[in-house]
Amino acid sequence: MSKFNALQARESAAGGFEQVIVQRDIDDLPAGELLIRVQYSSLNYKDALSASGNRGVTRSFPHTPGIDAAGVVEASSVAEFSAGDEVIVTGYDLGMNTSGGFAQYIRIPASWALKRPEGLSLREAMVLGTAGLTAALCVDKLEQAGLTADAGPVLVTGATGGVGSVALALLASLGYRVVASTGKAEQADYLKALGAQQVVLRAELLDGTDKPMLKEQWAGAVDCVGGDILFNVVKSLRYGASVACCGLTAGVGFKGSVLPFILRGVNLLGVDSVELPLVVKASMWDRLSLQWKVNLDALVSEVTLEQLPDAIAQILAGKQVGRVLVNLG
């Protein structure tokens, strides 16, 4: 089979961007040591930005987004992989400026791929995807900084999104008392079903943006939104506590002060899952497949390639809840 289906983002005649399903030829894929038949991908906010023409994510169009892919190696020019190997690919340049996982085939450098951990199916790996990997990295960083389950309440902002939903479920499964923040009041039951013991509306977290310090509340936090909410979280951390920062849906900037850092000794921990060394990704995937394995059926919806444009519109409108799995079978 030399032809395959792919979603392609391209400039429309009206001047905006559109997503269409096209047939591509395998020979048109970029050079790389591995040709992979993709079985599953997942939808992340960065994918939606790429699909809507954001040139800070993707420089040239037409383009196939999809920063996640899980599938089977069809051809390999390196000894580390053989045809038939099941692999996971997340991050690096996949779906950004390299043709991505919203297609039935990808071709990539072997250094981007991990063999599927025994404890996860390809489907389960993409229910997690970059969002799940990021959530796990956040929890790991917080624990490395000293957070323990008996320390007190842990806040998750943007908790209905992909990263937030997985972080919430993971923290709850590890015995933490989790407080979920969202702008979607109607999703309180969803968040409690994932393990949230309390739900706080986003507007409450925006109170006091003009103040240099706020009352101590959180023993730790996972922030998926950025902006002024992030710094209000910083100002509300308990003495010596940390927040892991991984998102920007509320903005890339905030008005800050050094006071929480020098008076309470708090920590702002940056989390990246894209350019992370492969050995670190591998250790985190192993953990997600074993001691940190969580049943995520309650937070996933599944779409086909043809249904993906509607899902992209939903995430751009701030209406996505949980994870969106893309079935390319």
C-alpha atoms as a PDB file:
ATOM      1  CA  MET A   1       0.000   0.000   0.000  1.00  0.00           C
ATOM      2  CA  SER A   2       1.606   3.265  -1.084  1.00  0.00           C
ATOM      3  CA  LYS A   3      -1.432   5.515  -0.451  1.00  0.00           C
ATOM      4  CA  PHE A   4      -2.797   6.397   2.961  1.00  0.00           C
ATOM      5  CA  ASN A   5      -5.289   8.756   4.566  1.00  0.00           C
ATOM      6  CA  ALA A   6      -4.199  11.838   6.474  1.00  0.00           C
ATOM      7  CA  LEU A   7      -5.681  14.991   7.904  1.00  0.00           C
ATOM      8  CA  GLN A   8      -4.122  18.025   6.280  1.00  0.00           C
ATOM      9  CA  ALA A   9      -4.270  21.589   7.556  1.00  0.00           C
ATOM     10  CA  ARG A  10      -4.075  24.089   4.738  1.00  0.00           C
ATOM     11  CA  GLU A  11      -4.903  27.679   3.889  1.00  0.00           C
ATOM     12  CA  SER A  12      -8.412  28.037   2.532  1.00  0.00           C
ATOM     13  CA  ALA A  13      -9.541  30.157  -0.404  1.00  0.00           C
ATOM     14  CA  ALA A  14     -11.214  32.500   2.098  1.00  0.00           C
ATOM     15  CA  GLY A  15      -7.865  33.225   3.727  1.00  0.00           C
ATOM     16  CA  GLY A  16      -8.226  31.194   6.924  1.00  0.00           C
ATOM     17  CA  PHE A  17      -7.260  27.585   7.583  1.00  0.00           C
ATOM     18  CA  GLU A  18      -9.191  24.381   7.066  1.00  0.00           C
ATOM     19  CA  GLN A  19      -8.645  20.717   7.844  1.00  0.00           C
ATOM     20  CA  VAL A  20      -9.371  18.179   5.142  1.00  0.00           C
ATOM     21  CA  ILE A  21      -8.873  14.438   4.758  1.00  0.00           C
ATOM     22  CA  VAL A  22      -6.534  13.686   1.863  1.00  0.00           C
ATOM     23  CA  GLN A  23      -4.774  10.695   0.356  1.00  0.00           C
ATOM     24  CA  ARG A  24      -1.007  10.886   0.525  1.00  0.00           C
ATOM     25  CA  ASP A  25       1.771   8.732  -0.863  1.00  0.00           C
ATOM     26  CA  ILE A  26       4.265   7.071   1.475  1.00  0.00           C
ATOM     27  CA  ASP A  27       7.060   8.291  -0.792  1.00  0.00           C
ATOM     28  CA  ASP A  28       6.084  11.871   0.117  1.00  0.00           C
ATOM     29  CA  LEU A  29       6.864  11.363   3.815  1.00  0.00           C
ATOM     30  CA  PRO A  30      10.117  12.857   5.158  1.00  0.00           C
ATOM     31  CA  ALA A  31      13.267  10.774   5.400  1.00  0.00           C
ATOM     32  CA  GLY A  32      13.738   8.654   8.532  1.00  0.00           C
ATOM     33  CA  GLU A  33      14.861   5.262   9.777  1.00  0.00           C
ATOM     34  CA  LEU A  34      11.388   4.057  10.787  1.00  0.00           C
ATOM     35  CA  LEU A  35       8.204   3.768   8.749  1.00  0.00           C
ATOM     36  CA  ILE A  36       5.308   3.284  11.174  1.00  0.00           C
ATOM     37  CA  ARG A  37       1.725   2.255  10.500  1.00  0.00           C
ATOM     38  CA  VAL A  38      -0.172   4.420  12.975  1.00  0.00           C
ATOM     39  CA  GLN A  39      -3.038   2.777  14.848  1.00  0.00           C
ATOM     40  CA  TYR A  40      -3.832   5.540  17.359  1.00  0.00           C
ATOM     41  CA  SER A  41      -3.054   9.180  17.958  1.00  0.00           C
ATOM     42  CA  SER A  42      -4.524  11.743  20.344  1.00  0.00           C
ATOM     43  CA  LEU A  43      -5.618  15.366  20.235  1.00  0.00           C
ATOM     44  CA  ASN A  44      -3.615  17.933  22.214  1.00  0.00           C
ATOM     45  CA  TYR A  45      -3.948  21.708  22.380  1.00  0.00           C
ATOM     46  CA  LYS A  46      -0.728  22.080  20.397  1.00  0.00           C
ATOM     47  CA  ASP A  47      -2.247  19.935  17.622  1.00  0.00           C
ATOM     48  CA  ALA A  48      -5.237  22.268  17.448  1.00  0.00           C
ATOM     49  CA  LEU A  49      -2.921  25.272  17.195  1.00  0.00           C
ATOM     50  CA  SER A  50      -1.022  23.633  14.340  1.00  0.00           C
ATOM     51  CA  ALA A  51      -4.250  22.602  12.597  1.00  0.00           C
ATOM     52  CA  SER A  52      -5.530  26.174  12.726  1.00  0.00           C
ATOM     53  CA  GLY A  53      -2.401  27.687  11.154  1.00  0.00           C
ATOM     54  CA  ASN A  54      -0.433  28.859  14.187  1.00  0.00           C
ATOM     55  CA  ARG A  55       3.029  29.498  12.721  1.00  0.00           C
ATOM     56  CA  GLY A  56       4.576  29.552  16.179  1.00  0.00           C
ATOM     57  CA  VAL A  57       3.932  25.797  16.169  1.00  0.00           C
ATOM     58  CA  THR A  58       4.149  24.936  12.462  1.00  0.00           C
ATOM     59  CA  ARG A  59       6.071  27.038   9.979  1.00  0.00           C
ATOM     60  CA  SER A  60       4.772  25.843   6.610  1.00  0.00           C
ATOM     61  CA  PHE A  61       1.525  24.452   5.226  1.00  0.00           C
ATOM     62  CA  PRO A  62      -0.117  22.241   4.032  1.00  0.00           C
ATOM     63  CA  HIS A  63       0.787  20.110   7.019  1.00  0.00           C
ATOM     64  CA  THR A  64      -0.370  17.032   8.945  1.00  0.00           C
ATOM     65  CA  PRO A  65      -0.482  17.712  12.722  1.00  0.00           C
ATOM     66  CA  GLY A  66      -0.381  15.127  15.500  1.00  0.00           C
ATOM     67  CA  ILE A  67       2.378  15.212  18.134  1.00  0.00           C
ATOM     68  CA  ASP A  68       1.454  11.685  19.307  1.00  0.00           C
ATOM     69  CA  ALA A  69       1.418   8.352  17.519  1.00  0.00           C
ATOM     70  CA  ALA A  70       1.324   4.684  18.463  1.00  0.00           C
ATOM     71  CA  GLY A  71       1.608   1.923  15.924  1.00  0.00           C
ATOM     72  CA  VAL A  72       3.600  -0.847  14.319  1.00  0.00           C
ATOM     73  CA  VAL A  73       6.962  -0.572  12.567  1.00  0.00           C
ATOM     74  CA  GLU A  74       6.603  -1.532   8.906  1.00  0.00           C
ATOM     75  CA  ALA A  75      10.196  -0.859   7.871  1.00  0.00           C
ATOM     76  CA  SER A  76      13.382  -0.105   9.789  1.00  0.00           C
ATOM     77  CA  SER A  77      16.916   0.725   8.666  1.00  0.00           C
ATOM     78  CA  VAL A  78      18.392   0.403  12.185  1.00  0.00           C
ATOM     79  CA  ALA A  79      19.141  -2.671  14.271  1.00  0.00           C
ATOM     80  CA  GLU A  80      17.263  -1.402  17.343  1.00  0.00           C
ATOM     81  CA  PHE A  81      13.866  -1.837  15.674  1.00  0.00           C
ATOM     82  CA  SER A  82      12.374  -4.519  13.463  1.00  0.00           C
ATOM     83  CA  ALA A  83       9.237  -4.757  11.370  1.00  0.00           C
ATOM     84  CA  GLY A  84       6.374  -5.722  13.655  1.00  0.00           C
ATOM     85  CA  ASP A  85       7.625  -3.833  16.729  1.00  0.00           C
ATOM     86  CA  GLU A  86       4.918  -1.844  18.497  1.00  0.00           C
ATOM     87  CA  VAL A  87       6.118   1.664  19.296  1.00  0.00           C
ATOM     88  CA  ILE A  88       5.106   4.967  20.901  1.00  0.00           C
ATOM     89  CA  VAL A  89       6.177   8.362  19.566  1.00  0.00           C
ATOM     90  CA  THR A  90       5.501  11.592  21.455  1.00  0.00           C
ATOM     91  CA  GLY A  91       6.976  15.048  21.024  1.00  0.00           C
ATOM     92  CA  TYR A  92      10.228  16.064  19.375  1.00  0.00           C
ATOM     93  CA  ASP A  93       9.279  17.530  15.982  1.00  0.00           C
ATOM     94  CA  LEU A  94       6.467  15.087  15.205  1.00  0.00           C
ATOM     95  CA  GLY A  95       3.360  16.974  14.102  1.00  0.00           C
ATOM     96  CA  MET A  96       5.074  20.339  14.389  1.00  0.00           C
ATOM     97  CA  ASN A  97       7.207  20.642  11.269  1.00  0.00           C
ATOM     98  CA  THR A  98       7.389  16.900  10.559  1.00  0.00           C
ATOM     99  CA  SER A  99       4.302  15.160   9.167  1.00  0.00           C
ATOM    100  CA  GLY A 100       2.477  13.925  12.265  1.00  0.00           C
ATOM    101  CA  GLY A 101       0.236  11.315  13.792  1.00  0.00           C
ATOM    102  CA  PHE A 102      -3.074  12.411  12.252  1.00  0.00           C
ATOM    103  CA  ALA A 103      -2.260  10.016   9.414  1.00  0.00           C
ATOM    104  CA  GLN A 104      -2.121   6.284   8.842  1.00  0.00           C
ATOM    105  CA  TYR A 105       1.653   6.429   8.319  1.00  0.00           C
ATOM    106  CA  ILE A 106       4.577   8.425   9.684  1.00  0.00           C
ATOM    107  CA  ARG A 107       8.300   8.217   8.954  1.00  0.00           C
ATOM    108  CA  ILE A 108      10.639   9.389  11.700  1.00  0.00           C
ATOM    109  CA  PRO A 109      14.163   9.180  13.129  1.00  0.00           C
ATOM    110  CA  ALA A 110      14.572   6.062  15.265  1.00  0.00           C
ATOM    111  CA  SER A 111      15.686   8.283  18.157  1.00  0.00           C
ATOM    112  CA  TRP A 112      12.080   9.514  18.566  1.00  0.00           C
ATOM    113  CA  ALA A 113      10.529   6.080  19.120  1.00  0.00           C
ATOM    114  CA  LEU A 114      10.065   3.906  22.200  1.00  0.00           C
ATOM    115  CA  LYS A 115       9.041   0.271  22.191  1.00  0.00           C
ATOM    116  CA  ARG A 116       5.637  -0.127  23.805  1.00  0.00           C
ATOM    117  CA  PRO A 117       5.913  -1.019  27.502  1.00  0.00           C
ATOM    118  CA  GLU A 118       4.433  -4.438  28.247  1.00  0.00           C
ATOM    119  CA  GLY A 119       1.933  -2.970  30.704  1.00  0.00           C
ATOM    120  CA  LEU A 120       0.243  -0.703  28.155  1.00  0.00           C
ATOM    121  CA  SER A 121      -1.600  -1.432  24.935  1.00  0.00           C
ATOM    122  CA  LEU A 122      -1.137   0.959  22.013  1.00  0.00           C
ATOM    123  CA  ARG A 123      -4.628   2.293  22.707  1.00  0.00           C
ATOM    124  CA  GLU A 124      -3.889   2.877  26.383  1.00  0.00           C
ATOM    125  CA  ALA A 125      -0.645   4.627  25.454  1.00  0.00           C
ATOM    126  CA  MET A 126      -2.526   7.134  23.308  1.00  0.00           C
ATOM    127  CA  VAL A 127      -5.256   7.683  25.879  1.00  0.00           C
ATOM    128  CA  LEU A 128      -2.316   8.994  27.874  1.00  0.00           C
ATOM    129  CA  GLY A 129      -0.281  10.489  25.012  1.00  0.00           C
ATOM    130  CA  THR A 130       1.677  13.695  25.529  1.00  0.00           C
ATOM    131  CA  ALA A 131      -0.946  14.884  28.033  1.00  0.00           C
ATOM    132  CA  GLY A 132      -0.508  11.815  30.225  1.00  0.00           C
ATOM    133  CA  LEU A 133       3.266  11.945  29.958  1.00  0.00           C
ATOM    134  CA  THR A 134       3.193  15.627  30.939  1.00  0.00           C
ATOM    135  CA  ALA A 135       0.895  14.944  33.886  1.00  0.00           C
ATOM    136  CA  ALA A 136       3.214  12.208  35.125  1.00  0.00           C
ATOM    137  CA  LEU A 137       6.244  14.473  34.772  1.00  0.00           C
ATOM    138  CA  CYS A 138       4.453  17.122  36.848  1.00  0.00           C
ATOM    139  CA  VAL A 139       3.682  14.660  39.635  1.00  0.00           C
ATOM    140  CA  ASP A 140       7.240  13.319  39.517  1.00  0.00           C
ATOM    141  CA  LYS A 141       8.725  16.819  39.796  1.00  0.00           C
ATOM    142  CA  LEU A 142       6.476  17.680  42.721  1.00  0.00           C
ATOM    143  CA  GLU A 143       7.470  14.509  44.533  1.00  0.00           C
ATOM    144  CA  GLN A 144      11.147  15.129  43.823  1.00  0.00           C
ATOM    145  CA  ALA A 145      10.637  18.574  45.391  1.00  0.00           C
ATOM    146  CA  GLY A 146       9.300  16.928  48.552  1.00  0.00           C
ATOM    147  CA  LEU A 147       5.531  16.614  48.084  1.00  0.00           C
ATOM    148  CA  THR A 148       3.947  13.699  49.928  1.00  0.00           C
ATOM    149  CA  ALA A 149       0.355  12.491  50.082  1.00  0.00           C
ATOM    150  CA  ASP A 150      -0.059  13.602  53.701  1.00  0.00           C
ATOM    151  CA  ALA A 151       1.211  17.155  53.078  1.00  0.00           C
ATOM    152  CA  GLY A 152      -2.197  18.708  52.404  1.00  0.00           C
ATOM    153  CA  PRO A 153      -4.391  19.683  49.454  1.00  0.00           C
ATOM    154  CA  VAL A 154      -2.926  19.624  45.949  1.00  0.00           C
ATOM    155  CA  LEU A 155      -4.501  21.919  43.349  1.00  0.00           C
ATOM    156  CA  VAL A 156      -4.899  21.037  39.670  1.00  0.00           C
ATOM    157  CA  THR A 157      -5.843  23.967  37.412  1.00  0.00           C
ATOM    158  CA  GLY A 158      -7.479  23.446  34.026  1.00  0.00           C
ATOM    159  CA  ALA A 159      -8.600  20.142  35.464  1.00  0.00           C
ATOM    160  CA  THR A 160     -11.080  19.207  32.723  1.00  0.00           C
ATOM    161  CA  GLY A 161      -8.394  19.356  30.021  1.00  0.00           C
ATOM    162  CA  GLY A 162      -6.194  16.474  28.938  1.00  0.00           C
ATOM    163  CA  VAL A 163      -3.215  17.101  31.214  1.00  0.00           C
ATOM    164  CA  GLY A 164      -5.395  18.233  34.099  1.00  0.00           C
ATOM    165  CA  SER A 165      -7.720  15.222  33.914  1.00  0.00           C
ATOM    166  CA  VAL A 166      -4.848  12.732  33.917  1.00  0.00           C
ATOM    167  CA  ALA A 167      -2.978  14.621  36.664  1.00  0.00           C
ATOM    168  CA  LEU A 168      -6.133  14.620  38.792  1.00  0.00           C
ATOM    169  CA  ALA A 169      -6.754  10.898  38.298  1.00  0.00           C
ATOM    170  CA  LEU A 170      -3.092  10.038  38.909  1.00  0.00           C
ATOM    171  CA  LEU A 171      -2.764  12.139  42.077  1.00  0.00           C
ATOM    172  CA  ALA A 172      -6.017  10.721  43.461  1.00  0.00           C
ATOM    173  CA  SER A 173      -4.853   7.165  42.770  1.00  0.00           C
ATOM    174  CA  LEU A 174      -1.637   7.896  44.684  1.00  0.00           C
ATOM    175  CA  GLY A 175      -3.586   8.982  47.754  1.00  0.00           C
ATOM    176  CA  TYR A 176      -3.394  12.774  47.436  1.00  0.00           C
ATOM    177  CA  ARG A 177      -6.230  15.084  48.469  1.00  0.00           C
ATOM    178  CA  VAL A 178      -6.886  16.800  45.142  1.00  0.00           C
ATOM    179  CA  VAL A 179      -8.700  20.081  44.581  1.00  0.00           C
ATOM    180  CA  ALA A 180      -9.716  20.629  40.945  1.00  0.00           C
ATOM    181  CA  SER A 181     -10.102  24.065  39.360  1.00  0.00           C
ATOM    182  CA  THR A 182     -12.109  24.637  36.207  1.00  0.00           C
ATOM    183  CA  GLY A 183     -14.072  27.255  34.343  1.00  0.00           C
ATOM    184  CA  LYS A 184     -16.717  24.628  33.550  1.00  0.00           C
ATOM    185  CA  ALA A 185     -19.009  24.481  36.577  1.00  0.00           C
ATOM    186  CA  GLU A 186     -21.159  21.861  34.841  1.00  0.00           C
ATOM    187  CA  GLN A 187     -18.229  19.401  34.917  1.00  0.00           C
ATOM    188  CA  ALA A 188     -18.023  19.177  38.721  1.00  0.00           C
ATOM    189  CA  ASP A 189     -19.408  15.615  38.758  1.00  0.00           C
ATOM    190  CA  TYR A 190     -16.894  14.551  36.102  1.00  0.00           C
ATOM    191  CA  LEU A 191     -14.027  15.921  38.209  1.00  0.00           C
ATOM    192  CA  LYS A 192     -15.285  14.278  41.382  1.00  0.00           C
ATOM    193  CA  ALA A 193     -15.605  10.966  39.529  1.00  0.00           C
ATOM    194  CA  LEU A 194     -11.899  11.256  38.658  1.00  0.00           C
ATOM    195  CA  GLY A 195     -11.050  11.715  42.325  1.00  0.00           C
ATOM    196  CA  ALA A 196     -11.357  15.423  43.124  1.00  0.00           C
ATOM    197  CA  GLN A 197     -12.415  15.981  46.726  1.00  0.00           C
ATOM    198  CA  GLN A 198     -13.287  19.619  46.024  1.00  0.00           C
ATOM    199  CA  VAL A 199     -13.980  21.710  42.906  1.00  0.00           C
ATOM    200  CA  VAL A 200     -13.023  25.397  42.747  1.00  0.00           C
ATOM    201  CA  LEU A 201     -14.235  27.627  39.935  1.00  0.00           C
ATOM    202  CA  ARG A 202     -11.614  29.452  37.894  1.00  0.00           C
ATOM    203  CA  ALA A 203     -13.006  32.875  38.850  1.00  0.00           C
ATOM    204  CA  GLU A 204     -12.116  32.200  42.508  1.00  0.00           C
ATOM    205  CA  LEU A 205      -8.480  31.644  41.574  1.00  0.00           C
ATOM    206  CA  LEU A 206      -8.374  35.030  39.857  1.00  0.00           C
ATOM    207  CA  ASP A 207      -9.247  36.914  43.040  1.00  0.00           C
ATOM    208  CA  GLY A 208      -6.305  38.925  44.354  1.00  0.00           C
ATOM    209  CA  THR A 209      -4.241  39.269  41.191  1.00  0.00           C
ATOM    210  CA  ASP A 210      -3.311  42.773  42.385  1.00  0.00           C
ATOM    211  CA  LYS A 211      -1.887  41.498  45.692  1.00  0.00           C
ATOM    212  CA  PRO A 212       1.751  40.447  46.157  1.00  0.00           C
ATOM    213  CA  MET A 213       0.830  37.578  48.514  1.00  0.00           C
ATOM    214  CA  LEU A 214      -2.266  35.491  49.235  1.00  0.00           C
ATOM    215  CA  LYS A 215      -3.308  33.185  52.050  1.00  0.00           C
ATOM    216  CA  GLU A 216      -1.370  29.911  52.195  1.00  0.00           C
ATOM    217  CA  GLN A 217      -3.532  27.064  50.863  1.00  0.00           C
ATOM    218  CA  TRP A 218      -1.809  24.523  48.659  1.00  0.00           C
ATOM    219  CA  ALA A 219       0.734  21.867  49.582  1.00  0.00           C
ATOM    220  CA  GLY A 220       1.439  21.553  45.859  1.00  0.00           C
ATOM    221  CA  ALA A 221      -0.123  22.274  42.499  1.00  0.00           C
ATOM    222  CA  VAL A 222      -0.171  21.234  38.861  1.00  0.00           C
ATOM    223  CA  ASP A 223      -0.870  24.283  36.693  1.00  0.00           C
ATOM    224  CA  CYS A 224      -2.094  23.626  33.155  1.00  0.00           C
ATOM    225  CA  VAL A 225      -3.198  27.156  32.247  1.00  0.00           C
ATOM    226  CA  GLY A 226      -0.522  29.754  33.003  1.00  0.00           C
ATOM    227  CA  GLY A 227      -1.320  33.455  33.043  1.00  0.00           C
ATOM    228  CA  ASP A 228      -2.441  35.269  36.170  1.00  0.00           C
ATOM    229  CA  ILE A 229      -3.916  32.077  37.612  1.00  0.00           C
ATOM    230  CA  LEU A 230      -0.440  30.559  37.748  1.00  0.00           C
ATOM    231  CA  PHE A 231       0.973  33.420  39.771  1.00  0.00           C
ATOM    232  CA  ASN A 232      -2.042  33.461  42.075  1.00  0.00           C
ATOM    233  CA  VAL A 233      -1.305  29.785  42.706  1.00  0.00           C
ATOM    234  CA  VAL A 234       2.337  30.678  43.454  1.00  0.00           C
ATOM    235  CA  LYS A 235       1.130  33.310  45.916  1.00  0.00           C
ATOM    236  CA  SER A 236      -1.138  30.726  47.610  1.00  0.00           C
ATOM    237  CA  LEU A 237       1.417  27.942  48.094  1.00  0.00           C
ATOM    238  CA  ARG A 238       2.235  26.847  51.605  1.00  0.00           C
ATOM    239  CA  TYR A 239       5.718  27.465  52.929  1.00  0.00           C
ATOM    240  CA  GLY A 240       8.288  25.516  50.878  1.00  0.00           C
ATOM    241  CA  ALA A 241       5.664  24.111  48.502  1.00  0.00           C
ATOM    242  CA  SER A 242       5.916  23.831  44.702  1.00  0.00           C
ATOM    243  CA  VAL A 243       3.798  24.231  41.579  1.00  0.00           C
ATOM    244  CA  ALA A 244       4.586  22.336  38.385  1.00  0.00           C
ATOM    245  CA  CYS A 245       3.870  24.548  35.372  1.00  0.00           C
ATOM    246  CA  CYS A 246       3.060  22.983  31.993  1.00  0.00           C
ATOM    247  CA  GLY A 247       0.369  24.994  30.171  1.00  0.00           C
ATOM    248  CA  LEU A 248      -0.528  28.334  28.633  1.00  0.00           C
ATOM    249  CA  THR A 249      -4.219  28.352  27.767  1.00  0.00           C
ATOM    250  CA  ALA A 250      -4.768  31.377  30.034  1.00  0.00           C
ATOM    251  CA  GLY A 251      -1.757  33.221  28.650  1.00  0.00           C
ATOM    252  CA  VAL A 252       2.029  33.167  28.559  1.00  0.00           C
ATOM    253  CA  GLY A 253       2.599  36.131  30.855  1.00  0.00           C
ATOM    254  CA  PHE A 254       1.703  37.171  34.383  1.00  0.00           C
ATOM    255  CA  LYS A 255       2.432  40.007  36.777  1.00  0.00           C
ATOM    256  CA  GLY A 256       4.755  38.593  39.376  1.00  0.00           C
ATOM    257  CA  SER A 257       6.556  39.407  42.602  1.00  0.00           C
ATOM    258  CA  VAL A 258       9.608  37.895  44.271  1.00  0.00           C
ATOM    259  CA  LEU A 259       7.858  37.941  47.653  1.00  0.00           C
ATOM    260  CA  PRO A 260       6.379  34.400  47.608  1.00  0.00           C
ATOM    261  CA  PHE A 261       9.805  33.047  46.697  1.00  0.00           C
ATOM    262  CA  ILE A 262      11.840  34.907  49.304  1.00  0.00           C
ATOM    263  CA  LEU A 263       9.268  34.922  52.127  1.00  0.00           C
ATOM    264  CA  ARG A 264       7.815  31.423  51.727  1.00  0.00           C
ATOM    265  CA  GLY A 265      10.578  29.619  49.828  1.00  0.00           C
ATOM    266  CA  VAL A 266       8.172  28.303  47.230  1.00  0.00           C
ATOM    267  CA  ASN A 267       9.198  26.718  43.928  1.00  0.00           C
ATOM    268  CA  LEU A 268       7.985  27.217  40.353  1.00  0.00           C
ATOM    269  CA  LEU A 269       8.881  24.036  38.450  1.00  0.00           C
ATOM    270  CA  GLY A 270       8.856  24.090  34.662  1.00  0.00           C
ATOM    271  CA  VAL A 271       7.811  20.881  32.902  1.00  0.00           C
ATOM    272  CA  ASP A 272       8.595  20.036  29.272  1.00  0.00           C
ATOM    273  CA  SER A 273       7.658  16.761  27.584  1.00  0.00           C
ATOM    274  CA  VAL A 274       8.717  17.580  24.010  1.00  0.00           C
ATOM    275  CA  GLU A 275      12.522  17.656  23.951  1.00  0.00           C
ATOM    276  CA  LEU A 276      12.930  15.479  27.027  1.00  0.00           C
ATOM    277  CA  PRO A 277      15.757  12.906  26.613  1.00  0.00           C
ATOM    278  CA  LEU A 278      14.364   9.603  25.391  1.00  0.00           C
ATOM    279  CA  VAL A 279      15.741   7.726  28.418  1.00  0.00           C
ATOM    280  CA  VAL A 280      13.671   9.958  30.730  1.00  0.00           C
ATOM    281  CA  LYS A 281      10.571   9.455  28.593  1.00  0.00           C
ATOM    282  CA  ALA A 282      11.156   5.695  28.695  1.00  0.00           C
ATOM    283  CA  SER A 283      11.382   5.623  32.495  1.00  0.00           C
ATOM    284  CA  MET A 284       8.196   7.659  32.807  1.00  0.00           C
ATOM    285  CA  TRP A 285       6.305   5.420  30.355  1.00  0.00           C
ATOM    286  CA  ASP A 286       7.464   2.393  32.335  1.00  0.00           C
ATOM    287  CA  ARG A 287       6.073   3.971  35.485  1.00  0.00           C
ATOM    288  CA  LEU A 288       2.767   4.781  33.749  1.00  0.00           C
ATOM    289  CA  SER A 289       2.523   1.154  32.643  1.00  0.00           C
ATOM    290  CA  LEU A 290       3.166  -0.302  36.097  1.00  0.00           C
ATOM    291  CA  GLN A 291       2.958   1.403  39.512  1.00  0.00           C
ATOM    292  CA  TRP A 292       1.283   4.537  38.112  1.00  0.00           C
ATOM    293  CA  LYS A 293      -1.154   2.754  35.809  1.00  0.00           C
ATOM    294  CA  VAL A 294      -4.616   4.313  36.134  1.00  0.00           C
ATOM    295  CA  ASN A 295      -7.921   3.353  34.498  1.00  0.00           C
ATOM    296  CA  LEU A 296      -8.719   6.349  32.287  1.00  0.00           C
ATOM    297  CA  ASP A 297     -11.858   5.057  30.542  1.00  0.00           C
ATOM    298  CA  ALA A 298     -13.951   7.764  32.209  1.00  0.00           C
ATOM    299  CA  LEU A 299     -12.020  10.607  30.614  1.00  0.00           C
ATOM    300  CA  VAL A 300     -11.586   9.462  27.000  1.00  0.00           C
ATOM    301  CA  SER A 301     -13.724   9.925  23.895  1.00  0.00           C
ATOM    302  CA  GLU A 302     -12.772   8.270  20.612  1.00  0.00           C
ATOM    303  CA  VAL A 303     -12.974   9.828  17.152  1.00  0.00           C
ATOM    304  CA  THR A 304     -12.085   8.827  13.609  1.00  0.00           C
ATOM    305  CA  LEU A 305      -9.923  10.879  11.287  1.00  0.00           C
ATOM    306  CA  GLU A 306     -13.078  12.199   9.631  1.00  0.00           C
ATOM    307  CA  GLN A 307     -14.472  13.371  12.996  1.00  0.00           C
ATOM    308  CA  LEU A 308     -11.243  15.059  14.023  1.00  0.00           C
ATOM    309  CA  PRO A 309     -11.955  18.556  12.592  1.00  0.00           C
ATOM    310  CA  ASP A 310     -14.996  18.876  14.862  1.00  0.00           C
ATOM    311  CA  ALA A 311     -12.892  17.827  17.862  1.00  0.00           C
ATOM    312  CA  ILE A 312     -10.260  20.401  16.913  1.00  0.00           C
ATOM    313  CA  ALA A 313     -12.930  23.111  16.864  1.00  0.00           C
ATOM    314  CA  GLN A 314     -14.081  21.986  20.306  1.00  0.00           C
ATOM    315  CA  ILE A 315     -10.633  22.211  21.907  1.00  0.00           C
ATOM    316  CA  LEU A 316      -9.996  25.639  20.344  1.00  0.00           C
ATOM    317  CA  ALA A 317     -13.312  26.829  21.787  1.00  0.00           C
ATOM    318  CA  GLY A 318     -12.272  25.634  25.245  1.00  0.00           C
ATOM    319  CA  LYS A 319     -14.957  22.938  25.277  1.00  0.00           C
ATOM    320  CA  GLN A 320     -12.878  19.761  25.301  1.00  0.00           C
ATOM    321  CA  VAL A 321     -13.246  17.600  28.387  1.00  0.00           C
ATOM    322  CA  GLY A 322     -10.708  14.877  29.100  1.00  0.00           C
ATOM    323  CA  ARG A 323      -8.773  13.128  26.360  1.00  0.00           C
ATOM    324  CA  VAL A 324      -9.649  12.649  22.677  1.00  0.00           C
ATOM    325  CA  LEU A 325      -8.319   9.422  21.188  1.00  0.00           C
ATOM    326  CA  VAL A 326      -7.916   9.280  17.401  1.00  0.00           C
ATOM    327  CA  ASN A 327      -8.491   5.802  15.948  1.00  0.00           C
ATOM    328  CA  LEU A 328      -6.659   5.373  12.615  1.00  0.00           C
ATOM    329  CA  GLY A 329      -7.397   1.682  12.205  1.00  0.00           C
END
